[in-house]
Amino acid sequence: MSAADKELNYREIITKAVCGKGRKFSQASHDITPSHTPTSILGCWIINHKYDAEKKGDAVEVNGRYDINIWYSYSNNTKTNVATETVSYTDIVPLAMQDKNVLSDDIDVLARAIQQPNTLEATIAANAADVNVQVEREFVVEVIGETKVCVYCNPDFSGDDWDSKVWDYDVEDEAFEDLDPNFLMGDLEE
């Protein structure tokens, strides 16, 4: 087979594929000022997380916001209240894997929070009026664009042979007799 004949056995396919990936873990510190001077922190949680992502150069910029809710006591632990504040953030996620052979500027950026923002610690600040909240979050991003892949086509392959092949993978009843019904469950009597 000549080199020209071998070259005819390859096809170039234009398809959408993941052309870039990145991951970033972040920690942040927020100072929240409640309406009363806190005596103690009773709880802190984060809700209403929203974000979007956009490719910027060799990275993906994730812009988001969330509400921090701090349940605290005041007046020498005789009363309680909840302080709520919305905070914004920007995470720059570098693309560790990036294909430079994207065919067009028409790309999609997907960002997924694999660690939703959550409170690590909430403490009364040294000034006794603020609450310092330590937060962590983590994102995975993907850039999807058009790219070209090259595939080999087997010249000896006949579609008729493939269609007429019998795909018989039936399992006989006797094969089930040797199965252990507790294999995935483990020994339930332990």
Protein backbone atom coordinates (compact mmCIF):
# COMPACT_ATOMS: atom_id res chain seq x y z
CA MET A 1 0.00 0.00 0.00
CA SER A 2 1.46 3.34 -1.02
CA ALA A 3 1.75 6.39 1.25
CA ALA A 4 -1.01 8.11 -0.75
CA ASP A 5 -3.33 5.10 -0.22
CA LYS A 6 -2.61 5.15 3.54
CA GLU A 7 -3.40 8.85 3.65
CA LEU A 8 -6.83 8.15 2.08
CA ASN A 9 -7.65 5.95 5.08
CA TYR A 10 -7.75 8.94 7.45
CA ARG A 11 -10.64 11.35 7.94
CA GLU A 12 -10.66 14.71 9.63
CA ILE A 13 -13.73 15.35 11.76
CA ILE A 14 -14.67 18.75 13.10
CA THR A 15 -16.37 18.44 16.48
CA LYS A 16 -16.93 20.20 19.77
CA ALA A 17 -14.58 19.01 22.48
CA VAL A 18 -13.13 20.06 25.81
CA CYS A 19 -10.23 22.30 24.82
CA GLY A 20 -9.28 23.59 28.25
CA LYS A 21 -9.58 22.54 31.91
CA GLY A 22 -8.74 24.10 35.22
CA ARG A 23 -9.37 23.76 38.94
CA LYS A 24 -8.98 26.17 41.85
CA PHE A 25 -9.50 26.00 45.60
CA SER A 26 -9.99 29.35 47.35
CA GLN A 27 -10.31 30.63 50.89
CA ALA A 28 -11.61 34.07 51.79
CA SER A 29 -12.15 36.13 54.91
CA HIS A 30 -15.16 38.44 55.33
CA ASP A 31 -15.82 40.93 58.12
CA ILE A 32 -19.53 41.32 58.88
CA THR A 33 -20.83 44.04 61.20
CA PRO A 34 -24.03 42.96 63.00
CA SER A 35 -26.56 45.55 64.17
CA HIS A 36 -25.72 44.75 67.83
CA THR A 37 -22.35 44.06 69.50
CA PRO A 38 -22.12 40.25 69.56
CA THR A 39 -21.52 38.32 72.77
CA SER A 40 -21.14 34.91 71.12
CA ILE A 41 -21.54 33.27 67.71
CA LEU A 42 -24.28 30.63 67.65
CA GLY A 43 -24.02 29.63 64.01
CA CYS A 44 -22.97 30.74 60.55
CA TRP A 45 -24.15 29.47 57.20
CA ILE A 46 -23.92 30.46 53.55
CA ILE A 47 -26.89 30.42 51.17
CA ASN A 48 -27.99 31.71 47.75
CA HIS A 49 -24.71 31.02 45.93
CA LYS A 50 -24.85 32.25 42.32
CA TYR A 51 -21.98 32.51 39.82
CA ASP A 52 -21.08 32.76 36.15
CA ALA A 53 -17.86 32.20 34.25
CA GLU A 54 -16.09 33.75 31.28
CA LYS A 55 -12.80 32.97 29.52
CA LYS A 56 -10.19 35.70 29.93
CA GLY A 57 -6.88 34.97 28.20
CA ASP A 58 -5.37 31.73 29.52
CA ALA A 59 -7.77 31.55 32.46
CA VAL A 60 -11.45 31.48 33.35
CA GLU A 61 -12.87 34.24 35.53
CA VAL A 62 -15.62 33.09 37.90
CA ASN A 63 -17.71 35.93 39.33
CA GLY A 64 -20.18 35.11 42.07
CA ARG A 65 -21.96 36.12 45.21
CA TYR A 66 -23.53 34.52 48.26
CA ASP A 67 -25.33 35.50 51.45
CA ILE A 68 -23.59 35.00 54.79
CA ASN A 69 -25.98 34.52 57.71
CA ILE A 70 -24.60 34.82 61.24
CA TRP A 71 -26.74 33.80 64.18
CA TYR A 72 -25.36 35.54 67.24
CA SER A 73 -26.27 36.49 70.79
CA TYR A 74 -25.95 39.95 72.29
CA SER A 75 -26.74 41.80 75.54
CA ASN A 76 -24.72 39.28 77.58
CA ASN A 77 -26.34 36.26 75.91
CA THR A 78 -29.90 37.37 76.68
CA LYS A 79 -31.03 38.05 73.09
CA THR A 80 -30.29 36.64 69.63
CA ASN A 81 -30.38 37.96 66.10
CA VAL A 82 -29.29 37.01 62.59
CA ALA A 83 -27.00 39.28 60.58
CA THR A 84 -27.13 38.79 56.81
CA GLU A 85 -24.75 40.23 54.25
CA THR A 86 -24.29 39.53 50.55
CA VAL A 87 -20.65 39.30 49.48
CA SER A 88 -19.21 39.14 45.96
CA TYR A 89 -16.04 37.42 44.78
CA THR A 90 -13.93 36.86 41.70
CA ASP A 91 -11.84 33.69 41.27
CA ILE A 92 -9.33 33.47 38.43
CA VAL A 93 -9.01 29.78 37.48
CA PRO A 94 -5.88 29.11 35.39
CA LEU A 95 -6.28 26.58 32.58
CA ALA A 96 -3.87 23.75 33.35
CA MET A 97 -4.76 21.97 30.10
CA GLN A 98 -5.42 24.10 27.04
CA ASP A 99 -5.59 23.15 23.37
CA LYS A 100 -4.36 26.02 21.20
CA ASN A 101 -5.92 24.47 18.06
CA VAL A 102 -9.48 25.68 18.63
CA LEU A 103 -10.98 26.45 15.23
CA SER A 104 -13.15 29.45 16.14
CA ASP A 105 -13.74 32.03 18.83
CA ASP A 106 -17.19 30.56 19.46
CA ILE A 107 -16.54 28.73 22.76
CA ASP A 108 -18.60 27.65 25.75
CA VAL A 109 -17.32 27.97 29.31
CA LEU A 110 -18.63 25.61 31.96
CA ALA A 111 -17.90 26.16 35.65
CA ARG A 112 -18.96 23.80 38.41
CA ALA A 113 -18.59 24.39 42.14
CA ILE A 114 -17.27 21.08 43.45
CA GLN A 115 -17.02 22.67 46.89
CA GLN A 116 -19.88 25.08 47.49
CA PRO A 117 -18.89 28.05 49.66
CA ASN A 118 -19.02 26.97 53.28
CA THR A 119 -17.99 28.46 56.60
CA LEU A 120 -14.76 27.20 58.13
CA GLU A 121 -14.92 29.45 61.18
CA ALA A 122 -16.81 32.49 62.46
CA THR A 123 -15.23 34.46 65.31
CA ILE A 124 -15.78 37.79 67.00
CA ALA A 125 -13.10 40.19 65.75
CA ALA A 126 -10.60 41.97 68.04
CA ASN A 127 -12.67 45.17 67.87
CA ALA A 128 -15.59 43.22 69.50
CA ALA A 129 -18.06 44.73 66.99
CA ASP A 130 -17.39 42.66 63.84
CA VAL A 131 -17.59 38.98 63.06
CA ASN A 132 -14.79 37.48 60.95
CA VAL A 133 -16.00 34.65 58.71
CA GLN A 134 -13.54 32.26 57.01
CA VAL A 135 -14.99 30.71 53.82
CA GLU A 136 -13.73 28.04 51.40
CA ARG A 137 -14.88 27.13 47.87
CA GLU A 138 -13.56 25.18 44.87
CA PHE A 139 -14.31 25.29 41.15
CA VAL A 140 -13.63 23.10 38.13
CA VAL A 141 -13.89 24.83 34.74
CA GLU A 142 -13.99 23.54 31.18
CA VAL A 143 -13.66 25.40 27.90
CA ILE A 144 -15.50 23.73 25.01
CA GLY A 145 -14.74 24.69 21.42
CA GLU A 146 -14.61 23.39 17.87
CA THR A 147 -11.54 21.34 17.08
CA LYS A 148 -10.41 18.88 14.45
CA VAL A 149 -9.72 15.20 15.14
CA CYS A 150 -8.17 12.73 12.77
CA VAL A 151 -9.46 9.13 12.67
CA TYR A 152 -8.26 6.07 10.85
CA CYS A 153 -10.74 4.28 8.59
CA ASN A 154 -10.07 0.56 8.11
CA PRO A 155 -10.13 -0.09 4.33
CA ASP A 156 -10.83 -3.81 4.93
CA PHE A 157 -13.93 -3.13 7.00
CA SER A 158 -17.27 -3.85 5.40
CA GLY A 159 -20.37 -2.37 6.93
CA ASP A 160 -22.31 -5.41 5.72
CA ASP A 161 -20.15 -7.69 7.87
CA TRP A 162 -20.85 -5.53 10.93
CA ASP A 163 -24.61 -5.45 10.36
CA SER A 164 -24.85 -9.21 9.87
CA LYS A 165 -22.75 -10.09 12.96
CA VAL A 166 -24.77 -11.87 15.66
CA TRP A 167 -24.27 -10.23 19.04
CA ASP A 168 -25.32 -13.09 21.30
CA TYR A 169 -24.50 -12.33 24.91
CA ASP A 170 -27.38 -14.12 26.59
CA VAL A 171 -26.63 -15.49 30.03
CA GLU A 172 -27.80 -18.99 30.83
CA ASP A 173 -29.80 -19.59 34.03
CA GLU A 174 -27.08 -21.91 35.34
CA ALA A 175 -24.62 -18.99 35.45
CA PHE A 176 -26.77 -17.30 38.09
CA GLU A 177 -26.61 -20.29 40.47
CA ASP A 178 -23.01 -19.50 41.48
CA LEU A 179 -23.68 -15.85 42.30
CA ASP A 180 -23.34 -14.75 45.94
CA PRO A 181 -26.45 -12.65 46.72
CA ASN A 182 -24.61 -10.92 49.60
CA PHE A 183 -21.59 -9.91 47.53
CA LEU A 184 -22.38 -6.20 47.51
CA MET A 185 -24.17 -6.18 50.86
CA GLY A 186 -21.37 -7.87 52.79
CA ASP A 187 -22.14 -10.14 55.70
CA LEU A 188 -25.23 -8.61 57.30
CA GLU A 189 -24.81 -10.60 60.54
CA GLU A 190 -21.55 -8.84 61.54
